[in-house]
Amino acid sequence: MAEKEKDNEESIIKDLQKRITEAFKIFDHENNKTIDVREIGTIIRSLGGCPSEKDLQDLCTEVEEEDLPGFIRYDKFLRLMTQVLLENRYSPVTEDLLLKAFKLLDTENRSFLTPEQLQEIITHEGEPFSPEEMEEMLSVAVNPDTSGIIYKDYIPLITIEQSLL
């Protein structure tokens, strides 16, 4: 039985490393097994992770090559990303947790927020959105019929189904 579990774990790791390698190759423009550290966020997100900007800054500092500033080598990236994905380090938020958060913000229990309410919260709390990010988010979030953000309709648009990861 233990051997079967070990084979399954090795299979999972092999599959993860294949996905990581494929994602890395997309950004290895020079085909020299290096990528710009600024691409790490895009790669992690393409693999289903949702790191914050601070997470990305910390990660870039950790993995940047001393002898090749601004870049990370494939071997180092593969080891790091395998560990990150196996640990589910940057797992996305669940629909249930988002619904609870929206309900906390909806102090009048109307089942929606106004764009102004959401914009106030998002631009002043936590990791603030840029004006461009805010505009893009609101273009998707605001219901054209009600001019509000009906969060039960919006949440499925911004979450990742866990089975896809």
Protein backbone atom coordinates (compact mmCIF):
# COMPACT_ATOMS: atom_id res chain seq x y z
CA MET A 1 0.00 0.00 0.00
CA ALA A 2 2.79 2.44 0.89
CA GLU A 3 4.46 1.81 -2.46
CA LYS A 4 1.23 2.68 -4.28
CA GLU A 5 0.97 5.96 -2.34
CA LYS A 6 4.61 6.74 -3.15
CA ASP A 7 3.97 6.04 -6.85
CA ASN A 8 0.91 8.33 -6.73
CA GLU A 9 2.91 11.10 -5.03
CA GLU A 10 5.70 10.77 -7.59
CA SER A 11 3.12 10.94 -10.37
CA ILE A 12 1.64 14.13 -8.89
CA ILE A 13 5.09 15.70 -8.59
CA LYS A 14 5.99 14.68 -12.14
CA ASP A 15 2.75 16.22 -13.47
CA LEU A 16 3.34 19.44 -11.51
CA GLN A 17 6.88 19.70 -12.78
CA LYS A 18 5.71 19.18 -16.35
CA ARG A 19 3.20 22.05 -15.95
CA ILE A 20 5.87 24.26 -14.35
CA THR A 21 8.34 23.49 -17.15
CA GLU A 22 5.78 24.30 -19.85
CA ALA A 23 4.92 27.60 -18.16
CA PHE A 24 8.61 28.45 -17.74
CA LYS A 25 9.38 27.78 -21.41
CA ILE A 26 6.77 30.32 -22.50
CA PHE A 27 8.76 33.08 -20.77
CA ASP A 28 12.26 31.79 -21.56
CA HIS A 29 12.52 34.03 -24.64
CA GLU A 30 16.24 33.40 -25.13
CA ASN A 31 15.97 29.61 -24.65
CA ASN A 32 18.77 29.83 -22.11
CA LYS A 33 16.87 28.38 -19.14
CA THR A 34 16.39 31.77 -17.48
CA ILE A 35 13.42 34.09 -17.08
CA ASP A 36 12.97 37.62 -15.87
CA VAL A 37 11.94 37.54 -12.18
CA ARG A 38 9.11 39.94 -13.01
CA GLU A 39 7.39 37.09 -14.88
CA ILE A 40 7.07 34.93 -11.76
CA GLY A 41 3.65 36.34 -10.83
CA THR A 42 2.25 35.62 -14.27
CA ILE A 43 3.60 32.09 -14.18
CA ILE A 44 2.27 31.38 -10.67
CA ARG A 45 -1.15 32.69 -11.67
CA SER A 46 -1.12 30.55 -14.82
CA LEU A 47 -0.54 27.55 -12.55
CA GLY A 48 -3.55 28.45 -10.39
CA GLY A 49 -1.86 30.43 -7.61
CA CYS A 50 -2.99 33.81 -6.34
CA PRO A 51 -0.04 35.51 -4.65
CA SER A 52 -0.24 39.05 -3.34
CA GLU A 53 2.17 41.69 -4.60
CA LYS A 54 4.08 41.40 -1.31
CA ASP A 55 4.30 37.62 -1.75
CA LEU A 56 5.75 38.19 -5.22
CA GLN A 57 8.27 40.76 -3.99
CA ASP A 58 9.43 38.38 -1.25
CA LEU A 59 9.62 35.48 -3.70
CA CYS A 60 11.60 37.49 -6.26
CA THR A 61 14.07 38.54 -3.58
CA GLU A 62 14.44 34.91 -2.54
CA VAL A 63 15.00 33.46 -6.02
CA GLU A 64 16.79 36.17 -7.98
CA GLU A 65 20.22 35.02 -9.16
CA GLU A 66 23.09 36.88 -7.50
CA ASP A 67 25.33 36.46 -10.53
CA LEU A 68 22.50 37.31 -12.94
CA PRO A 69 20.42 40.11 -11.33
CA GLY A 70 16.80 40.27 -12.49
CA PHE A 71 16.68 36.65 -13.61
CA ILE A 72 16.00 33.19 -12.24
CA ARG A 73 17.35 29.94 -13.59
CA TYR A 74 15.12 27.03 -14.51
CA ASP A 75 16.52 24.56 -11.94
CA LYS A 76 15.97 26.96 -9.05
CA PHE A 77 12.54 27.92 -10.33
CA LEU A 78 11.47 24.29 -10.75
CA ARG A 79 12.47 23.39 -7.18
CA LEU A 80 10.78 26.46 -5.74
CA MET A 81 7.55 26.17 -7.73
CA THR A 82 7.22 22.45 -7.04
CA GLN A 83 7.41 23.25 -3.33
CA VAL A 84 5.02 26.22 -3.63
CA LEU A 85 2.39 24.18 -5.51
CA LEU A 86 2.68 21.11 -3.28
CA GLU A 87 2.18 23.34 -0.23
CA ASN A 88 -0.75 25.16 -1.87
CA ARG A 89 1.07 28.28 -0.72
CA TYR A 90 -0.89 30.76 -2.84
CA SER A 91 -4.25 29.02 -3.05
CA PRO A 92 -7.13 31.13 -4.30
CA VAL A 93 -9.95 32.17 -2.00
CA THR A 94 -13.06 29.97 -2.01
CA GLU A 95 -16.49 31.16 -3.11
CA ASP A 96 -17.82 30.62 0.43
CA LEU A 97 -15.15 32.84 1.97
CA LEU A 98 -15.75 35.57 -0.61
CA LEU A 99 -19.49 35.42 0.02
CA LYS A 100 -18.88 35.87 3.76
CA ALA A 101 -16.62 38.85 3.05
CA PHE A 102 -19.18 40.51 0.78
CA LYS A 103 -21.91 39.94 3.37
CA LEU A 104 -19.77 41.65 6.00
CA LEU A 105 -19.38 44.65 3.71
CA ASP A 106 -23.12 44.68 2.94
CA THR A 107 -24.14 46.18 6.27
CA GLU A 108 -27.69 46.86 5.04
CA ASN A 109 -28.20 43.22 3.88
CA ARG A 110 -29.28 44.28 0.38
CA SER A 111 -27.41 41.44 -1.42
CA PHE A 112 -25.47 44.00 -3.43
CA LEU A 113 -22.89 46.73 -3.04
CA THR A 114 -22.67 49.99 -4.91
CA PRO A 115 -19.62 50.53 -7.11
CA GLU A 116 -18.69 53.44 -4.83
CA GLN A 117 -18.73 51.22 -1.73
CA LEU A 118 -16.52 48.62 -3.31
CA GLN A 119 -14.19 51.20 -4.80
CA GLU A 120 -13.75 52.89 -1.42
CA ILE A 121 -12.84 49.60 0.25
CA ILE A 122 -10.58 48.29 -2.48
CA THR A 123 -8.61 51.48 -3.02
CA HIS A 124 -8.02 52.16 0.69
CA GLU A 125 -7.77 48.78 2.44
CA GLY A 126 -5.33 45.92 2.10
CA GLU A 127 -3.48 45.78 -1.18
CA PRO A 128 -4.92 48.74 -3.11
CA PHE A 129 -5.96 48.48 -6.73
CA SER A 130 -4.62 50.88 -9.32
CA PRO A 131 -7.22 53.07 -11.11
CA GLU A 132 -6.87 50.84 -14.18
CA GLU A 133 -7.41 47.65 -12.16
CA MET A 134 -10.42 49.24 -10.46
CA GLU A 135 -11.96 50.28 -13.77
CA GLU A 136 -11.43 46.81 -15.23
CA MET A 137 -12.92 45.10 -12.19
CA LEU A 138 -15.98 47.35 -12.11
CA SER A 139 -16.61 46.81 -15.82
CA VAL A 140 -17.19 43.15 -15.00
CA ALA A 141 -18.67 43.50 -11.51
CA VAL A 142 -21.43 46.08 -12.04
CA ASN A 143 -24.75 44.68 -13.17
CA PRO A 144 -25.91 46.88 -16.09
CA ASP A 145 -29.58 46.53 -15.11
CA THR A 146 -29.21 47.51 -11.45
CA SER A 147 -25.96 49.53 -11.52
CA GLY A 148 -24.98 47.59 -8.41
CA ILE A 149 -22.64 44.70 -7.71
CA ILE A 150 -24.81 41.68 -7.03
CA TYR A 151 -22.11 39.72 -5.30
CA LYS A 152 -23.74 36.28 -5.61
CA ASP A 153 -23.54 36.74 -9.40
CA TYR A 154 -20.07 38.29 -9.33
CA ILE A 155 -18.27 35.77 -7.09
CA PRO A 156 -18.31 32.86 -9.59
CA LEU A 157 -16.69 35.17 -12.16
CA ILE A 158 -13.67 35.85 -9.97
CA THR A 159 -12.99 32.48 -8.40
CA ILE A 160 -11.10 29.48 -9.66
CA GLU A 161 -12.73 26.09 -9.41
CA GLN A 162 -10.48 24.07 -7.09
CA SER A 163 -10.74 20.94 -9.22
CA LEU A 164 -9.01 22.80 -12.06
CA LEU A 165 -5.85 23.33 -10.03
